[in-house]
């Protein structure tokens, strides 16, 4: 593994105790140039993970607290008329918090669909169109959105079109006994985060993202991914199958996972490792009121689809 990546993971594990898999999945998502959705109960470390990644990777960071009265202009920015005695005045654009390298969309499902939709163009095309003018966003651009379970009061579920913009969806889960004891007896995690030193620079991160694209994928591995996509579409277990975008997400995330392991070739085990995060928000079981656990979905696909 790249030394800088090893340092990133090691530093993050000192803050987010007992969650090495979630940390690696989040980092793989970023290396694959995707966006991450973290869904879980309040207080399990969703926001802390976003802060840790931003500090450790040395990214410009902005947090947007999504509430029911949030407006698209609060996210994207607004033009304000400024008077000038010589020219009479003009409108000057004041950029919103979306113009940062890493965005934490905190409790994204507490905002109305109108406010949620302000993220769509930014996440898909890394640009925003405001008052008829297209403005590019910084590179790299990465959105981490957190959301509380849909059954909680005051939530607006994300539509499938927006969920599909996230490369991965993960859950933090409760810590085990040893990790929780460390949290209870240790220093406040927010104090530690404030003193973290960046382990990667912007140029090095960009180079790693380019390196992910060079990780070799064999024709047999592509056959395996296509078999998973085909099974999800033909099986009567799901309301609809995985889209071509989901297939691209599987491929890029598996490449990133292989790079984190220090390998230049993707294996079926890499696909299986990232499968829960990629499919959990894209597949819906027939007759299920809520999306099932990602690990259960992935396990069913792994058992149903043979490795070529």
Protein backbone atom coordinates (compact mmCIF):
# COMPACT_ATOMS: atom_id res chain seq x y z
CA UNK A 1 0.00 0.00 0.00
CA UNK A 2 1.13 3.56 -0.70
CA UNK A 3 2.79 4.98 2.44
CA UNK A 4 0.57 8.07 2.49
CA UNK A 5 -2.57 5.95 2.20
CA UNK A 6 -1.34 3.77 5.05
CA UNK A 7 -0.84 6.90 7.18
CA UNK A 8 -4.33 8.15 6.30
CA UNK A 9 -5.92 4.87 7.41
CA UNK A 10 -3.79 4.61 10.56
CA UNK A 11 -4.62 8.17 11.63
CA UNK A 12 -8.34 7.72 10.93
CA UNK A 13 -8.44 4.48 12.95
CA UNK A 14 -7.07 6.35 15.96
CA UNK A 15 -10.20 8.52 15.96
CA UNK A 16 -12.91 6.21 14.58
CA UNK A 17 -12.34 3.26 16.88
CA UNK A 18 -13.27 -0.25 15.82
CA UNK A 19 -14.41 0.68 12.28
CA UNK A 20 -11.54 -0.24 9.91
CA UNK A 21 -13.87 -1.56 7.21
CA UNK A 22 -15.97 1.62 7.11
CA UNK A 23 -12.83 3.76 6.92
CA UNK A 24 -11.42 1.74 4.03
CA UNK A 25 -14.74 1.82 2.18
CA UNK A 26 -14.99 5.61 2.58
CA UNK A 27 -11.43 6.06 1.33
CA UNK A 28 -12.02 3.70 -1.59
CA UNK A 29 -15.10 5.73 -2.49
CA UNK A 30 -13.02 8.92 -2.62
CA UNK A 31 -10.22 7.31 -4.63
CA UNK A 32 -12.85 6.10 -7.10
CA UNK A 33 -14.01 9.74 -7.45
CA UNK A 34 -17.43 8.94 -6.03
CA UNK A 35 -19.68 10.33 -3.32
CA UNK A 36 -20.53 8.65 -0.03
CA UNK A 37 -23.83 8.29 1.83
CA UNK A 38 -23.66 7.29 5.51
CA UNK A 39 -26.99 6.21 6.98
CA UNK A 40 -27.35 5.32 10.64
CA UNK A 41 -28.71 6.39 13.99
CA UNK A 42 -27.56 9.76 15.42
CA UNK A 43 -24.42 9.71 17.50
CA UNK A 44 -22.51 6.77 15.98
CA UNK A 45 -19.74 8.81 14.33
CA UNK A 46 -21.04 9.72 10.86
CA UNK A 47 -20.07 13.40 11.09
CA UNK A 48 -16.80 12.62 12.84
CA UNK A 49 -15.74 10.33 10.00
CA UNK A 50 -16.31 13.15 7.49
CA UNK A 51 -14.27 15.60 9.59
CA UNK A 52 -11.44 13.07 9.99
CA UNK A 53 -11.22 12.40 6.25
CA UNK A 54 -11.21 16.10 5.40
CA UNK A 55 -8.45 16.88 7.89
CA UNK A 56 -6.36 13.81 7.08
CA UNK A 57 -6.57 14.34 3.32
CA UNK A 58 -5.90 18.08 3.58
CA UNK A 59 -9.08 19.04 1.71
CA UNK A 60 -10.94 22.34 1.87
CA UNK A 61 -14.02 21.46 3.92
CA UNK A 62 -17.52 22.89 4.28
CA UNK A 63 -20.39 21.56 6.35
CA UNK A 64 -23.99 22.19 5.30
CA UNK A 65 -26.60 21.45 7.94
CA UNK A 66 -29.73 20.36 6.08
CA UNK A 67 -32.96 21.53 7.70
CA UNK A 68 -36.55 21.81 6.54
CA UNK A 69 -36.18 25.55 5.80
CA UNK A 70 -32.94 25.25 3.80
CA UNK A 71 -33.11 26.84 0.32
CA UNK A 72 -31.07 25.98 -2.80
CA UNK A 73 -29.46 29.44 -2.63
CA UNK A 74 -28.16 28.60 0.85
CA UNK A 75 -26.16 25.79 -0.80
CA UNK A 76 -25.20 27.22 -4.18
CA UNK A 77 -24.83 30.94 -3.44
CA UNK A 78 -26.60 34.13 -4.46
CA UNK A 79 -25.98 37.35 -6.37
CA UNK A 80 -26.19 40.57 -4.33
CA UNK A 81 -26.51 44.05 -5.81
CA UNK A 82 -23.63 46.31 -4.79
CA UNK A 83 -23.87 50.04 -5.35
CA UNK A 84 -21.04 51.94 -6.98
CA UNK A 85 -21.07 55.71 -7.45
CA UNK A 86 -19.16 55.58 -10.73
CA UNK A 87 -21.03 52.79 -12.52
CA UNK A 88 -24.27 52.82 -10.56
CA UNK A 89 -23.70 49.33 -9.21
CA UNK A 90 -23.78 45.71 -10.30
CA UNK A 91 -24.71 42.25 -9.07
CA UNK A 92 -21.85 40.32 -7.47
CA UNK A 93 -22.03 36.58 -6.97
CA UNK A 94 -21.33 35.28 -3.46
CA UNK A 95 -20.52 31.55 -3.70
CA UNK A 96 -22.24 29.17 -1.31
CA UNK A 97 -20.64 26.38 0.71
CA UNK A 98 -20.88 23.99 -2.25
CA UNK A 99 -17.68 25.58 -3.59
CA UNK A 100 -15.31 23.44 -1.52
CA UNK A 101 -13.37 20.24 -2.14
CA UNK A 102 -15.23 18.19 0.46
CA UNK A 103 -18.84 18.84 1.42
CA UNK A 104 -20.55 17.35 4.44
CA UNK A 105 -24.27 17.34 3.71
CA UNK A 106 -25.32 16.65 7.28
CA UNK A 107 -28.72 14.99 7.78
CA UNK A 108 -29.48 15.45 4.09
CA UNK A 109 -32.91 13.82 4.39
CA UNK A 110 -34.16 16.49 6.80
CA UNK A 111 -34.29 19.04 3.96
CA UNK A 112 -37.11 19.27 1.44
CA UNK A 113 -36.71 17.71 -2.02
CA UNK A 114 -36.19 21.19 -3.51
CA UNK A 115 -33.11 21.76 -1.35
CA UNK A 116 -31.88 18.20 -1.89
CA UNK A 117 -32.02 18.68 -5.66
CA UNK A 118 -29.44 21.48 -5.45
CA UNK A 119 -26.80 18.75 -5.05
CA UNK A 120 -27.71 16.77 -8.17
CA UNK A 121 -25.77 18.69 -10.84
CA UNK A 122 -22.83 19.27 -8.49
CA UNK A 123 -22.46 15.56 -7.72
CA UNK A 124 -22.88 14.37 -11.30
CA UNK A 125 -20.96 16.99 -13.30
CA UNK A 126 -18.82 18.81 -10.70
CA UNK A 127 -20.38 22.10 -11.68
CA UNK A 128 -23.43 24.19 -10.79
CA UNK A 129 -25.62 26.38 -12.95
CA UNK A 130 -26.75 29.54 -11.18
CA UNK A 131 -28.74 32.33 -12.82
CA UNK A 132 -27.95 30.95 -16.26
CA UNK A 133 -24.19 30.73 -15.70
CA UNK A 134 -22.28 27.48 -15.26
CA UNK A 135 -19.60 27.59 -12.58
CA UNK A 136 -17.04 24.77 -12.10
CA UNK A 137 -16.45 23.31 -8.66
CA UNK A 138 -13.01 22.70 -7.11
CA UNK A 139 -11.15 19.47 -7.82
CA UNK A 140 -11.19 17.03 -6.21
CA UNK A 141 -14.86 17.35 -5.29
CA UNK A 142 -16.34 14.89 -2.84
CA UNK A 143 -19.71 14.84 -1.06
CA UNK A 144 -20.26 12.93 2.16
CA UNK A 145 -23.94 12.96 3.06
CA UNK A 146 -25.30 11.65 6.33
CA UNK A 147 -28.89 10.70 6.87
CA UNK A 148 -30.92 9.38 9.74
CA UNK A 149 -33.18 6.33 9.29
CA UNK A 150 -36.28 7.15 7.24
CA UNK A 151 -38.68 6.18 10.05
CA UNK A 152 -37.51 9.08 12.23
CA UNK A 153 -39.70 12.18 12.50
CA UNK A 154 -39.09 15.03 10.06
CA UNK A 155 -37.30 13.19 7.26
CA UNK A 156 -37.82 13.43 3.50
CA UNK A 157 -36.60 10.21 1.82
CA UNK A 158 -34.10 10.70 -0.99
CA UNK A 159 -35.51 9.72 -4.41
CA UNK A 160 -33.86 6.88 -6.32
CA UNK A 161 -32.41 9.32 -8.87
CA UNK A 162 -30.47 11.08 -6.13
CA UNK A 163 -29.50 7.93 -4.26
CA UNK A 164 -27.95 6.65 -7.48
CA UNK A 165 -25.57 9.65 -7.49
CA UNK A 166 -23.82 8.17 -4.45
CA UNK A 167 -21.23 5.59 -5.36
CA UNK A 168 -21.53 3.95 -1.94
CA UNK A 169 -23.85 3.81 1.03
CA UNK A 170 -22.43 2.53 4.31
CA UNK A 171 -23.57 2.17 7.90
CA UNK A 172 -21.38 2.83 10.93
CA UNK A 173 -23.15 0.59 13.45
CA UNK A 174 -22.64 0.56 17.18
CA UNK A 175 -19.03 0.11 18.39
CA UNK A 176 -17.95 -3.13 20.02
CA UNK A 177 -17.25 -3.20 23.76
CA UNK A 178 -13.52 -2.55 23.46
CA UNK A 179 -13.92 0.39 21.06
CA UNK A 180 -16.70 1.91 23.17
CA UNK A 181 -14.55 1.64 26.29
CA UNK A 182 -11.84 3.54 24.45
CA UNK A 183 -14.33 6.27 23.55
CA UNK A 184 -15.59 6.54 27.12
CA UNK A 185 -12.18 6.62 28.76
CA UNK A 186 -10.26 8.62 26.14
CA UNK A 187 -9.99 12.26 25.12
CA UNK A 188 -12.91 13.97 23.37
CA UNK A 189 -12.61 12.92 19.71
CA UNK A 190 -13.37 16.48 18.52
CA UNK A 191 -10.29 17.75 20.31
CA UNK A 192 -8.13 15.14 18.60
CA UNK A 193 -9.61 15.88 15.16
CA UNK A 194 -8.76 19.58 15.54
CA UNK A 195 -5.05 18.71 15.81
CA UNK A 196 -4.80 16.15 13.00
CA UNK A 197 -2.08 16.73 10.42
CA UNK A 198 -2.79 16.19 6.70
CA UNK A 199 -1.24 12.99 5.36
CA UNK A 200 -1.94 13.68 1.68
CA UNK A 201 -1.80 16.75 -0.53
CA UNK A 202 -4.21 17.67 -3.29
CA UNK A 203 -1.77 16.77 -6.06
CA UNK A 204 -0.94 13.40 -4.51
CA UNK A 205 -4.62 12.60 -4.03
CA UNK A 206 -5.31 13.48 -7.67
CA UNK A 207 -2.43 11.24 -8.75
CA UNK A 208 -3.84 8.34 -6.71
CA UNK A 209 -7.26 8.83 -8.31
CA UNK A 210 -5.60 8.61 -11.71
CA UNK A 211 -3.69 5.52 -10.58
CA UNK A 212 -6.98 3.81 -9.69
CA UNK A 213 -8.01 4.00 -13.34
CA UNK A 214 -4.83 2.13 -14.33
CA UNK A 215 -5.52 -0.90 -12.11
CA UNK A 216 -5.87 -3.88 -14.45
CA UNK A 217 -9.24 -5.57 -14.91
CA UNK A 218 -9.29 -8.89 -16.75
CA UNK A 219 -12.05 -9.90 -19.18
CA UNK A 220 -13.07 -12.67 -16.74
CA UNK A 221 -13.55 -10.07 -14.00
CA UNK A 222 -15.73 -8.00 -16.32
CA UNK A 223 -17.73 -11.18 -17.00
CA UNK A 224 -18.25 -11.52 -13.24
CA UNK A 225 -19.50 -7.95 -12.86
CA UNK A 226 -21.83 -8.37 -15.85
CA UNK A 227 -23.16 -11.60 -14.38
CA UNK A 228 -24.03 -9.78 -11.13
CA UNK A 229 -25.79 -7.01 -13.07
CA UNK A 230 -27.69 -9.53 -15.22
CA UNK A 231 -28.82 -11.59 -12.22
CA UNK A 232 -30.16 -8.50 -10.43
CA UNK A 233 -32.19 -7.59 -13.53
CA UNK A 234 -33.56 -11.05 -14.24
CA UNK A 235 -34.24 -12.21 -10.70
CA UNK A 236 -37.77 -11.96 -9.34
CA UNK A 237 -36.35 -11.00 -5.93
CA UNK A 238 -35.89 -7.32 -6.80
CA UNK A 239 -38.25 -4.59 -7.95
CA UNK A 240 -35.66 -3.47 -10.51
CA UNK A 241 -32.10 -4.43 -11.37
CA UNK A 242 -28.78 -2.63 -11.13
CA UNK A 243 -28.22 0.10 -13.71
CA UNK A 244 -25.17 0.54 -15.98
CA UNK A 245 -24.08 3.31 -13.61
CA UNK A 246 -24.09 0.75 -10.80
CA UNK A 247 -21.85 -1.48 -12.92
CA UNK A 248 -19.39 1.37 -13.41
CA UNK A 249 -19.50 2.02 -9.66
CA UNK A 250 -18.70 -1.63 -8.94
CA UNK A 251 -15.76 -1.50 -11.32
CA UNK A 252 -14.23 1.76 -10.06
CA UNK A 253 -14.74 0.89 -6.38
CA UNK A 254 -13.17 -2.55 -6.86
CA UNK A 255 -10.16 -0.92 -8.54
CA UNK A 256 -9.80 1.47 -5.59
CA UNK A 257 -10.06 -1.42 -3.11
CA UNK A 258 -7.30 -3.29 -4.96
CA UNK A 259 -5.11 -0.19 -4.86
CA UNK A 260 -5.64 0.10 -1.10
CA UNK A 261 -4.34 -3.48 -0.83
CA UNK A 262 -1.29 -2.52 -2.89
CA UNK A 263 -2.25 -4.62 -5.91
CA UNK A 264 -2.36 -3.68 -9.58
CA UNK A 265 -5.03 -6.21 -10.55
CA UNK A 266 -8.67 -6.52 -9.47
CA UNK A 267 -9.82 -9.88 -8.09
CA UNK A 268 -13.36 -11.21 -7.50
CA UNK A 269 -12.73 -10.76 -3.77
CA UNK A 270 -12.34 -7.02 -4.36
CA UNK A 271 -15.76 -6.90 -6.02
CA UNK A 272 -17.28 -8.87 -3.14
CA UNK A 273 -15.66 -6.56 -0.56
CA UNK A 274 -17.21 -3.38 -1.97
CA UNK A 275 -20.47 -4.99 -3.14
CA UNK A 276 -22.50 -4.17 0.02
CA UNK A 277 -21.72 -0.47 -0.19
CA UNK A 278 -22.50 -0.20 -3.90
CA UNK A 279 -25.78 -2.18 -4.02
CA UNK A 280 -27.40 -1.42 -0.64
CA UNK A 281 -29.10 1.79 -1.84
CA UNK A 282 -29.76 0.60 -5.38
CA UNK A 283 -31.57 -2.70 -4.88
CA UNK A 284 -35.02 -3.09 -3.36
CA UNK A 285 -36.36 -6.52 -2.49
CA UNK A 286 -39.88 -7.28 -3.70
CA UNK A 287 -42.41 -6.69 -0.92
CA UNK A 288 -39.87 -5.02 1.39
CA UNK A 289 -40.95 -1.70 2.93
CA UNK A 290 -37.37 -0.58 3.56
CA UNK A 291 -34.12 -1.34 1.78
CA UNK A 292 -32.54 -4.40 3.44
CA UNK A 293 -29.09 -4.48 4.96
CA UNK A 294 -26.31 -4.11 2.40
CA UNK A 295 -24.40 -7.13 3.68
CA UNK A 296 -27.48 -9.33 3.24
CA UNK A 297 -28.05 -8.07 -0.31
CA UNK A 298 -24.42 -8.61 -1.23
CA UNK A 299 -24.32 -12.08 0.31
CA UNK A 300 -27.36 -13.13 -1.72
CA UNK A 301 -25.69 -11.92 -4.94
CA UNK A 302 -22.39 -13.61 -4.08
CA UNK A 303 -24.15 -16.93 -3.44
CA UNK A 304 -26.28 -16.68 -6.59
CA UNK A 305 -23.57 -15.64 -9.06
CA UNK A 306 -20.65 -17.98 -9.65
CA UNK A 307 -17.13 -16.64 -10.19
CA UNK A 308 -16.06 -17.32 -13.80
